[in-house]
Amino acid sequence: MANGDDARELAEKVREVICEEWQGAGGFLYSAVIYQRLLEEGVEVPGYQMSAVLNAFKVGGLIATSFRLQREEDVREHGDSLITHVHSDLCNSS
């Protein structure tokens, strides 16, 4: 289980990737794309942590996701979400 600092660092990295990818996403962004970018950048993503980060962003009103049937394996890896909106506050915070 990630400690608090690791969780905050992962959340910040996920935020950065969402903001970069959203610019050319065309109105939707799959969490699998974010996950793949993180792996390519050498970021360790513990099971269910990305799902927790995305859920926190969603609850905070920073992203919106489309309801869809989710596969447990994908939820564990990357949250299995389809992001349909990114609030400007997400990308303007640092």
PDB file of N, CA and C in Angstrom:
ATOM      1  N   MET A   1       0.842  -1.188   0.000  1.00  0.00           N
ATOM      2  CA  MET A   1       0.000   0.000   0.000  1.00  0.00           C
ATOM      3  C   MET A   1       0.880   1.241   0.000  1.00  0.00           C
ATOM      4  N   ALA A   2       0.551   2.180  -0.826  1.00  0.00           N
ATOM      5  CA  ALA A   2       1.341   3.407  -0.931  1.00  0.00           C
ATOM      6  C   ALA A   2       1.152   4.257   0.313  1.00  0.00           C
ATOM      7  N   ASN A   3       2.231   4.920   0.733  1.00  0.00           N
ATOM      8  CA  ASN A   3       2.076   5.831   1.864  1.00  0.00           C
ATOM      9  C   ASN A   3       1.505   7.151   1.366  1.00  0.00           C
ATOM     10  N   GLY A   4       1.244   8.075   2.275  1.00  0.00           N
ATOM     11  CA  GLY A   4       0.600   9.342   1.921  1.00  0.00           C
ATOM     12  C   GLY A   4       1.368  10.135   0.886  1.00  0.00           C
ATOM     13  N   ASP A   5       2.686  10.217   1.032  1.00  0.00           N
ATOM     14  CA  ASP A   5       3.498  10.964   0.073  1.00  0.00           C
ATOM     15  C   ASP A   5       3.451  10.317  -1.305  1.00  0.00           C
ATOM     16  N   ASP A   6       3.538   8.991  -1.346  1.00  0.00           N
ATOM     17  CA  ASP A   6       3.472   8.284  -2.627  1.00  0.00           C
ATOM     18  C   ASP A   6       2.125   8.518  -3.295  1.00  0.00           C
ATOM     19  N   ALA A   7       1.050   8.486  -2.520  1.00  0.00           N
ATOM     20  CA  ALA A   7      -0.291   8.693  -3.062  1.00  0.00           C
ATOM     21  C   ALA A   7      -0.433  10.107  -3.617  1.00  0.00           C
ATOM     22  N   ARG A   8       0.108  11.091  -2.905  1.00  0.00           N
ATOM     23  CA  ARG A   8       0.048  12.480  -3.385  1.00  0.00           C
ATOM     24  C   ARG A   8       0.864  12.649  -4.665  1.00  0.00           C
ATOM     25  N   GLU A   9       2.040  12.021  -4.707  1.00  0.00           N
ATOM     26  CA  GLU A   9       2.881  12.100  -5.905  1.00  0.00           C
ATOM     27  C   GLU A   9       2.180  11.458  -7.097  1.00  0.00           C
ATOM     28  N   LEU A  10       1.539  10.313  -6.884  1.00  0.00           N
ATOM     29  CA  LEU A  10       0.818   9.659  -7.962  1.00  0.00           C
ATOM     30  C   LEU A  10      -0.339  10.540  -8.429  1.00  0.00           C
ATOM     31  N   ALA A  11      -1.077  11.117  -7.497  1.00  0.00           N
ATOM     32  CA  ALA A  11      -2.199  11.987  -7.858  1.00  0.00           C
ATOM     33  C   ALA A  11      -1.715  13.163  -8.697  1.00  0.00           C
ATOM     34  N   GLU A  12      -0.596  13.742  -8.326  1.00  0.00           N
ATOM     35  CA  GLU A  12      -0.043  14.874  -9.078  1.00  0.00           C
ATOM     36  C   GLU A  12       0.370  14.435 -10.480  1.00  0.00           C
ATOM     37  N   LYS A  13       0.984  13.265 -10.589  1.00  0.00           N
ATOM     38  CA  LYS A  13       1.410  12.764 -11.896  1.00  0.00           C
ATOM     39  C   LYS A  13       0.193  12.459 -12.769  1.00  0.00           C
ATOM     40  N   VAL A  14      -0.840  11.850 -12.182  1.00  0.00           N
ATOM     41  CA  VAL A  14      -2.072  11.570 -12.929  1.00  0.00           C
ATOM     42  C   VAL A  14      -2.684  12.876 -13.405  1.00  0.00           C
ATOM     43  N   ARG A  15      -2.700  13.883 -12.545  1.00  0.00           N
ATOM     44  CA  ARG A  15      -3.243  15.204 -12.909  1.00  0.00           C
ATOM     45  C   ARG A  15      -2.487  15.775 -14.106  1.00  0.00           C
ATOM     46  N   GLU A  16      -1.164  15.723 -14.049  1.00  0.00           N
ATOM     47  CA  GLU A  16      -0.340  16.258 -15.141  1.00  0.00           C
ATOM     48  C   GLU A  16      -0.644  15.560 -16.462  1.00  0.00           C
ATOM     49  N   VAL A  17      -0.722  14.235 -16.413  1.00  0.00           N
ATOM     50  CA  VAL A  17      -0.965  13.470 -17.637  1.00  0.00           C
ATOM     51  C   VAL A  17      -2.367  13.748 -18.172  1.00  0.00           C
ATOM     52  N   ILE A  18      -3.360  13.818 -17.307  1.00  0.00           N
ATOM     53  CA  ILE A  18      -4.723  14.145 -17.749  1.00  0.00           C
ATOM     54  C   ILE A  18      -4.715  15.483 -18.472  1.00  0.00           C
ATOM     55  N   CYS A  19      -4.093  16.474 -17.886  1.00  0.00           N
ATOM     56  CA  CYS A  19      -4.100  17.813 -18.480  1.00  0.00           C
ATOM     57  C   CYS A  19      -3.381  17.834 -19.820  1.00  0.00           C
ATOM     58  N   GLU A  20      -2.279  17.115 -19.933  1.00  0.00           N
ATOM     59  CA  GLU A  20      -1.554  17.060 -21.206  1.00  0.00           C
ATOM     60  C   GLU A  20      -2.357  16.310 -22.264  1.00  0.00           C
ATOM     61  N   GLU A  21      -2.900  15.166 -21.898  1.00  0.00           N
ATOM     62  CA  GLU A  21      -3.631  14.337 -22.855  1.00  0.00           C
ATOM     63  C   GLU A  21      -4.982  14.952 -23.240  1.00  0.00           C
ATOM     64  N   TRP A  22      -5.621  15.655 -22.319  1.00  0.00           N
ATOM     65  CA  TRP A  22      -6.946  16.198 -22.563  1.00  0.00           C
ATOM     66  C   TRP A  22      -6.934  17.210 -23.707  1.00  0.00           C
ATOM     67  N   GLN A  23      -5.854  17.946 -23.850  1.00  0.00           N
ATOM     68  CA  GLN A  23      -5.767  18.986 -24.885  1.00  0.00           C
ATOM     69  C   GLN A  23      -6.029  18.433 -26.283  1.00  0.00           C
ATOM     70  N   GLY A  24      -5.593  17.215 -26.562  1.00  0.00           N
ATOM     71  CA  GLY A  24      -5.808  16.639 -27.883  1.00  0.00           C
ATOM     72  C   GLY A  24      -6.763  15.462 -27.881  1.00  0.00           C
ATOM     73  N   ALA A  25      -7.510  15.320 -26.802  1.00  0.00           N
ATOM     74  CA  ALA A  25      -8.328  14.114 -26.627  1.00  0.00           C
ATOM     75  C   ALA A  25      -9.620  14.116 -27.425  1.00  0.00           C
ATOM     76  N   GLY A  26     -10.101  15.256 -27.844  1.00  0.00           N
ATOM     77  CA  GLY A  26     -11.327  15.295 -28.628  1.00  0.00           C
ATOM     78  C   GLY A  26     -12.590  15.055 -27.827  1.00  0.00           C
ATOM     79  N   GLY A  27     -12.581  15.366 -26.540  1.00  0.00           N
ATOM     80  CA  GLY A  27     -13.793  15.280 -25.739  1.00  0.00           C
ATOM     81  C   GLY A  27     -13.918  14.066 -24.842  1.00  0.00           C
ATOM     82  N   PHE A  28     -13.001  13.123 -24.972  1.00  0.00           N
ATOM     83  CA  PHE A  28     -13.003  11.995 -24.047  1.00  0.00           C
ATOM     84  C   PHE A  28     -11.599  11.429 -23.952  1.00  0.00           C
ATOM     85  N   LEU A  29     -11.334  10.801 -22.802  1.00  0.00           N
ATOM     86  CA  LEU A  29     -10.004  10.266 -22.529  1.00  0.00           C
ATOM     87  C   LEU A  29     -10.149   8.997 -21.699  1.00  0.00           C
ATOM     88  N   TYR A  30      -9.597   7.913 -22.183  1.00  0.00           N
ATOM     89  CA  TYR A  30      -9.639   6.652 -21.451  1.00  0.00           C
ATOM     90  C   TYR A  30      -8.544   6.616 -20.390  1.00  0.00           C
ATOM     91  N   SER A  31      -8.892   6.090 -19.232  1.00  0.00           N
ATOM     92  CA  SER A  31      -7.904   5.972 -18.160  1.00  0.00           C
ATOM     93  C   SER A  31      -6.744   5.073 -18.568  1.00  0.00           C
ATOM     94  N   ALA A  32      -6.978   4.134 -19.470  1.00  0.00           N
ATOM     95  CA  ALA A  32      -5.904   3.252 -19.937  1.00  0.00           C
ATOM     96  C   ALA A  32      -4.797   4.050 -20.631  1.00  0.00           C
ATOM     97  N   VAL A  33      -5.158   5.143 -21.304  1.00  0.00           N
ATOM     98  CA  VAL A  33      -4.166   6.003 -21.961  1.00  0.00           C
ATOM     99  C   VAL A  33      -3.288   6.667 -20.909  1.00  0.00           C
ATOM    100  N   ILE A  34      -3.914   7.146 -19.844  1.00  0.00           N
ATOM    101  CA  ILE A  34      -3.183   7.781 -18.744  1.00  0.00           C
ATOM    102  C   ILE A  34      -2.243   6.765 -18.105  1.00  0.00           C
ATOM    103  N   TYR A  35      -2.774   5.581 -17.843  1.00  0.00           N
ATOM    104  CA  TYR A  35      -1.991   4.500 -17.226  1.00  0.00           C
ATOM    105  C   TYR A  35      -0.772   4.159 -18.074  1.00  0.00           C
ATOM    106  N   GLN A  36      -0.966   4.028 -19.373  1.00  0.00           N
ATOM    107  CA  GLN A  36       0.136   3.693 -20.270  1.00  0.00           C
ATOM    108  C   GLN A  36       1.210   4.775 -20.238  1.00  0.00           C
ATOM    109  N   ARG A  37       0.806   6.034 -20.238  1.00  0.00           N
ATOM    110  CA  ARG A  37       1.781   7.141 -20.154  1.00  0.00           C
ATOM    111  C   ARG A  37       2.578   7.063 -18.859  1.00  0.00           C
ATOM    112  N   LEU A  38       1.893   6.788 -17.754  1.00  0.00           N
ATOM    113  CA  LEU A  38       2.580   6.681 -16.466  1.00  0.00           C
ATOM    114  C   LEU A  38       3.625   5.575 -16.503  1.00  0.00           C
ATOM    115  N   LEU A  39       3.253   4.418 -17.043  1.00  0.00           N
ATOM    116  CA  LEU A  39       4.197   3.309 -17.135  1.00  0.00           C
ATOM    117  C   LEU A  39       5.391   3.676 -18.010  1.00  0.00           C
ATOM    118  N   GLU A  40       5.123   4.337 -19.134  1.00  0.00           N
ATOM    119  CA  GLU A  40       6.200   4.750 -20.033  1.00  0.00           C
ATOM    120  C   GLU A  40       7.166   5.717 -19.351  1.00  0.00           C
ATOM    121  N   GLU A  41       6.634   6.508 -18.411  1.00  0.00           N
ATOM    122  CA  GLU A  41       7.461   7.472 -17.695  1.00  0.00           C
ATOM    123  C   GLU A  41       8.096   6.869 -16.438  1.00  0.00           C
ATOM    124  N   GLY A  42       7.897   5.564 -16.246  1.00  0.00           N
ATOM    125  CA  GLY A  42       8.523   4.877 -15.124  1.00  0.00           C
ATOM    126  C   GLY A  42       7.828   5.068 -13.787  1.00  0.00           C
ATOM    127  N   VAL A  43       6.568   5.491 -13.824  1.00  0.00           N
ATOM    128  CA  VAL A  43       5.799   5.698 -12.595  1.00  0.00           C
ATOM    129  C   VAL A  43       5.189   4.376 -12.165  1.00  0.00           C
ATOM    130  N   GLU A  44       5.395   4.025 -10.895  1.00  0.00           N
ATOM    131  CA  GLU A  44       4.789   2.815 -10.345  1.00  0.00           C
ATOM    132  C   GLU A  44       3.348   3.123  -9.958  1.00  0.00           C
ATOM    133  N   VAL A  45       2.431   2.284 -10.412  1.00  0.00           N
ATOM    134  CA  VAL A  45       1.003   2.482 -10.127  1.00  0.00           C
ATOM    135  C   VAL A  45       0.489   1.258  -9.390  1.00  0.00           C
ATOM    136  N   PRO A  46       0.456   1.309  -8.034  1.00  0.00           N
ATOM    137  CA  PRO A  46      -0.047   0.165  -7.269  1.00  0.00           C
ATOM    138  C   PRO A  46      -1.521  -0.118  -7.590  1.00  0.00           C
ATOM    139  N   GLY A  47      -1.926  -1.371  -7.416  1.00  0.00           N
ATOM    140  CA  GLY A  47      -3.300  -1.778  -7.670  1.00  0.00           C
ATOM    141  C   GLY A  47      -4.315  -0.882  -6.979  1.00  0.00           C
ATOM    142  N   TYR A  48      -5.308  -0.483  -7.720  1.00  0.00           N
ATOM    143  CA  TYR A  48      -6.443   0.335  -7.278  1.00  0.00           C
ATOM    144  C   TYR A  48      -6.085   1.779  -6.957  1.00  0.00           C
ATOM    145  N   GLN A  49      -4.809   2.156  -6.994  1.00  0.00           N
ATOM    146  CA  GLN A  49      -4.445   3.537  -6.645  1.00  0.00           C
ATOM    147  C   GLN A  49      -4.912   4.533  -7.700  1.00  0.00           C
ATOM    148  N   MET A  50      -4.792   4.185  -8.962  1.00  0.00           N
ATOM    149  CA  MET A  50      -5.243   5.105  -9.997  1.00  0.00           C
ATOM    150  C   MET A  50      -6.754   5.262  -9.946  1.00  0.00           C
ATOM    151  N   SER A  51      -7.448   4.180  -9.660  1.00  0.00           N
ATOM    152  CA  SER A  51      -8.899   4.239  -9.495  1.00  0.00           C
ATOM    153  C   SER A  51      -9.264   5.191  -8.357  1.00  0.00           C
ATOM    154  N   ALA A  52      -8.511   5.122  -7.260  1.00  0.00           N
ATOM    155  CA  ALA A  52      -8.765   6.005  -6.109  1.00  0.00           C
ATOM    156  C   ALA A  52      -8.508   7.459  -6.473  1.00  0.00           C
ATOM    157  N   VAL A  53      -7.441   7.718  -7.225  1.00  0.00           N
ATOM    158  CA  VAL A  53      -7.126   9.091  -7.634  1.00  0.00           C
ATOM    159  C   VAL A  53      -8.233   9.633  -8.538  1.00  0.00           C
ATOM    160  N   LEU A  54      -8.621   8.859  -9.534  1.00  0.00           N
ATOM    161  CA  LEU A  54      -9.672   9.310 -10.445  1.00  0.00           C
ATOM    162  C   LEU A  54     -10.981   9.537  -9.709  1.00  0.00           C
ATOM    163  N   ASN A  55     -11.293   8.659  -8.758  1.00  0.00           N
ATOM    164  CA  ASN A  55     -12.515   8.828  -7.975  1.00  0.00           C
ATOM    165  C   ASN A  55     -12.459  10.115  -7.151  1.00  0.00           C
ATOM    166  N   ALA A  56     -11.304  10.418  -6.568  1.00  0.00           N
ATOM    167  CA  ALA A  56     -11.167  11.660  -5.791  1.00  0.00           C
ATOM    168  C   ALA A  56     -11.349  12.874  -6.692  1.00  0.00           C
ATOM    169  N   PHE A  57     -10.791  12.836  -7.887  1.00  0.00           N
ATOM    170  CA  PHE A  57     -10.974  13.947  -8.831  1.00  0.00           C
ATOM    171  C   PHE A  57     -12.452  14.080  -9.206  1.00  0.00           C
ATOM    172  N   LYS A  58     -13.116  12.938  -9.391  1.00  0.00           N
ATOM    173  CA  LYS A  58     -14.534  12.936  -9.762  1.00  0.00           C
ATOM    174  C   LYS A  58     -15.392  13.498  -8.629  1.00  0.00           C
ATOM    175  N   VAL A  59     -15.161  13.021  -7.423  1.00  0.00           N
ATOM    176  CA  VAL A  59     -15.931  13.498  -6.258  1.00  0.00           C
ATOM    177  C   VAL A  59     -15.694  14.994  -6.037  1.00  0.00           C
ATOM    178  N   GLY A  60     -14.478  15.444  -6.310  1.00  0.00           N
ATOM    179  CA  GLY A  60     -14.144  16.856  -6.165  1.00  0.00           C
ATOM    180  C   GLY A  60     -14.637  17.730  -7.307  1.00  0.00           C
ATOM    181  N   GLY A  61     -15.292  17.131  -8.284  1.00  0.00           N
ATOM    182  CA  GLY A  61     -15.836  17.896  -9.400  1.00  0.00           C
ATOM    183  C   GLY A  61     -14.790  18.321 -10.425  1.00  0.00           C
ATOM    184  N   LEU A  62     -13.611  17.715 -10.368  1.00  0.00           N
ATOM    185  CA  LEU A  62     -12.534  18.106 -11.278  1.00  0.00           C
ATOM    186  C   LEU A  62     -12.575  17.360 -12.607  1.00  0.00           C
ATOM    187  N   ILE A  63     -13.197  16.179 -12.606  1.00  0.00           N
ATOM    188  CA  ILE A  63     -13.423  15.442 -13.846  1.00  0.00           C
ATOM    189  C   ILE A  63     -14.827  14.862 -13.809  1.00  0.00           C
ATOM    190  N   ALA A  64     -15.340  14.547 -14.989  1.00  0.00           N
ATOM    191  CA  ALA A  64     -16.595  13.797 -15.100  1.00  0.00           C
ATOM    192  C   ALA A  64     -16.289  12.551 -15.914  1.00  0.00           C
ATOM    193  N   THR A  65     -16.942  11.466 -15.553  1.00  0.00           N
ATOM    194  CA  THR A  65     -16.750  10.214 -16.276  1.00  0.00           C
ATOM    195  C   THR A  65     -18.090   9.688 -16.747  1.00  0.00           C
ATOM    196  N   SER A  66     -18.039   8.918 -17.801  1.00  0.00           N
ATOM    197  CA  SER A  66     -19.228   8.298 -18.349  1.00  0.00           C
ATOM    198  C   SER A  66     -19.455   6.971 -17.642  1.00  0.00           C
ATOM    199  N   PHE A  67     -20.716   6.659 -17.348  1.00  0.00           N
ATOM    200  CA  PHE A  67     -21.018   5.363 -16.755  1.00  0.00           C
ATOM    201  C   PHE A  67     -20.797   4.298 -17.800  1.00  0.00           C
ATOM    202  N   ARG A  68     -20.139   3.234 -17.401  1.00  0.00           N
ATOM    203  CA  ARG A  68     -19.919   2.096 -18.282  1.00  0.00           C
ATOM    204  C   ARG A  68     -19.677   0.863 -17.439  1.00  0.00           C
ATOM    205  N   LEU A  69     -19.927  -0.281 -18.015  1.00  0.00           N
ATOM    206  CA  LEU A  69     -19.613  -1.522 -17.318  1.00  0.00           C
ATOM    207  C   LEU A  69     -18.100  -1.619 -17.221  1.00  0.00           C
ATOM    208  N   GLN A  70     -17.623  -1.924 -16.044  1.00  0.00           N
ATOM    209  CA  GLN A  70     -16.184  -1.942 -15.819  1.00  0.00           C
ATOM    210  C   GLN A  70     -15.716  -3.362 -15.517  1.00  0.00           C
ATOM    211  N   ARG A  71     -14.542  -3.684 -16.010  1.00  0.00           N
ATOM    212  CA  ARG A  71     -13.917  -4.974 -15.728  1.00  0.00           C
ATOM    213  C   ARG A  71     -13.039  -4.814 -14.497  1.00  0.00           C
ATOM    214  N   GLU A  72     -13.179  -5.723 -13.541  1.00  0.00           N
ATOM    215  CA  GLU A  72     -12.440  -5.641 -12.276  1.00  0.00           C
ATOM    216  C   GLU A  72     -10.931  -5.557 -12.501  1.00  0.00           C
ATOM    217  N   GLU A  73     -10.428  -6.348 -13.424  1.00  0.00           N
ATOM    218  CA  GLU A  73      -8.989  -6.333 -13.710  1.00  0.00           C
ATOM    219  C   GLU A  73      -8.529  -4.943 -14.174  1.00  0.00           C
ATOM    220  N   ASP A  74      -9.331  -4.304 -15.023  1.00  0.00           N
ATOM    221  CA  ASP A  74      -8.985  -2.969 -15.514  1.00  0.00           C
ATOM    222  C   ASP A  74      -9.150  -1.908 -14.430  1.00  0.00           C
ATOM    223  N   VAL A  75     -10.152  -2.055 -13.580  1.00  0.00           N
ATOM    224  CA  VAL A  75     -10.332  -1.127 -12.461  1.00  0.00           C
ATOM    225  C   VAL A  75      -9.107  -1.183 -11.551  1.00  0.00           C
ATOM    226  N   ARG A  76      -8.624  -2.387 -11.274  1.00  0.00           N
ATOM    227  CA  ARG A  76      -7.450  -2.548 -10.417  1.00  0.00           C
ATOM    228  C   ARG A  76      -6.232  -1.870 -11.046  1.00  0.00           C
ATOM    229  N   GLU A  77      -6.066  -2.022 -12.350  1.00  0.00           N
ATOM    230  CA  GLU A  77      -4.902  -1.452 -13.025  1.00  0.00           C
ATOM    231  C   GLU A  77      -4.986   0.060 -13.172  1.00  0.00           C
ATOM    232  N   HIS A  78      -6.063   0.542 -13.814  1.00  0.00           N
ATOM    233  CA  HIS A  78      -6.090   1.951 -14.202  1.00  0.00           C
ATOM    234  C   HIS A  78      -7.414   2.669 -13.974  1.00  0.00           C
ATOM    235  N   GLY A  79      -8.346   2.047 -13.295  1.00  0.00           N
ATOM    236  CA  GLY A  79      -9.607   2.709 -12.998  1.00  0.00           C
ATOM    237  C   GLY A  79     -10.700   2.435 -14.003  1.00  0.00           C
ATOM    238  N   ASP A  80     -10.344   1.966 -15.198  1.00  0.00           N
ATOM    239  CA  ASP A  80     -11.309   1.640 -16.258  1.00  0.00           C
ATOM    240  C   ASP A  80     -12.371   2.715 -16.403  1.00  0.00           C
ATOM    241  N   SER A  81     -11.927   3.950 -16.591  1.00  0.00           N
ATOM    242  CA  SER A  81     -12.840   5.082 -16.705  1.00  0.00           C
ATOM    243  C   SER A  81     -12.737   5.744 -18.070  1.00  0.00           C
ATOM    244  N   LEU A  82     -13.835   6.342 -18.484  1.00  0.00           N
ATOM    245  CA  LEU A  82     -13.863   7.185 -19.675  1.00  0.00           C
ATOM    246  C   LEU A  82     -14.129   8.601 -19.185  1.00  0.00           C
ATOM    247  N   ILE A  83     -13.104   9.423 -19.238  1.00  0.00           N
ATOM    248  CA  ILE A  83     -13.230  10.810 -18.774  1.00  0.00           C
ATOM    249  C   ILE A  83     -13.891  11.610 -19.887  1.00  0.00           C
ATOM    250  N   THR A  84     -14.989  12.289 -19.543  1.00  0.00           N
ATOM    251  CA  THR A  84     -15.750  13.047 -20.540  1.00  0.00           C
ATOM    252  C   THR A  84     -15.663  14.551 -20.332  1.00  0.00           C
ATOM    253  N   HIS A  85     -15.104  14.965 -19.215  1.00  0.00           N
ATOM    254  CA  HIS A  85     -14.944  16.402 -18.948  1.00  0.00           C
ATOM    255  C   HIS A  85     -13.807  16.598 -17.953  1.00  0.00           C
ATOM    256  N   VAL A  86     -13.000  17.614 -18.199  1.00  0.00           N
ATOM    257  CA  VAL A  86     -11.949  17.999 -17.264  1.00  0.00           C
ATOM    258  C   VAL A  86     -12.184  19.461 -16.907  1.00  0.00           C
ATOM    259  N   HIS A  87     -12.431  19.727 -15.633  1.00  0.00           N
ATOM    260  CA  HIS A  87     -12.662  21.094 -15.166  1.00  0.00           C
ATOM    261  C   HIS A  87     -11.354  21.863 -15.221  1.00  0.00           C
ATOM    262  N   SER A  88     -11.417  23.114 -15.616  1.00  0.00           N
ATOM    263  CA  SER A  88     -10.204  23.930 -15.755  1.00  0.00           C
ATOM    264  C   SER A  88      -9.426  24.032 -14.436  1.00  0.00           C
ATOM    265  N   ASP A  89     -10.099  23.901 -13.307  1.00  0.00           N
ATOM    266  CA  ASP A  89      -9.403  23.968 -12.008  1.00  0.00           C
ATOM    267  C   ASP A  89      -8.381  22.851 -11.851  1.00  0.00           C
ATOM    268  N   LEU A  90      -8.630  21.704 -12.464  1.00  0.00           N
ATOM    269  CA  LEU A  90      -7.690  20.595 -12.356  1.00  0.00           C
ATOM    270  C   LEU A  90      -6.353  20.970 -12.985  1.00  0.00           C
ATOM    271  N   CYS A  91      -6.417  21.589 -14.133  1.00  0.00           N
ATOM    272  CA  CYS A  91      -5.196  21.895 -14.879  1.00  0.00           C
ATOM    273  C   CYS A  91      -4.583  23.243 -14.501  1.00  0.00           C
ATOM    274  N   ASN A  92      -5.298  24.049 -13.776  1.00  0.00           N
ATOM    275  CA  ASN A  92      -4.771  25.337 -13.344  1.00  0.00           C
ATOM    276  C   ASN A  92      -4.206  25.304 -11.941  1.00  0.00           C
ATOM    277  N   SER A  93      -4.297  24.136 -11.259  1.00  0.00           N
ATOM    278  CA  SER A  93      -3.752  24.021  -9.909  1.00  0.00           C
ATOM    279  C   SER A  93      -2.364  23.440  -9.987  1.00  0.00           C
ATOM    280  N   SER A  94      -1.552  23.783  -9.012  1.00  0.00           N
ATOM    281  CA  SER A  94      -0.207  23.217  -8.967  1.00  0.00           C
ATOM    282  C   SER A  94       0.201  22.974  -7.554  1.00  0.00           C
TER     283      SER A  94
END
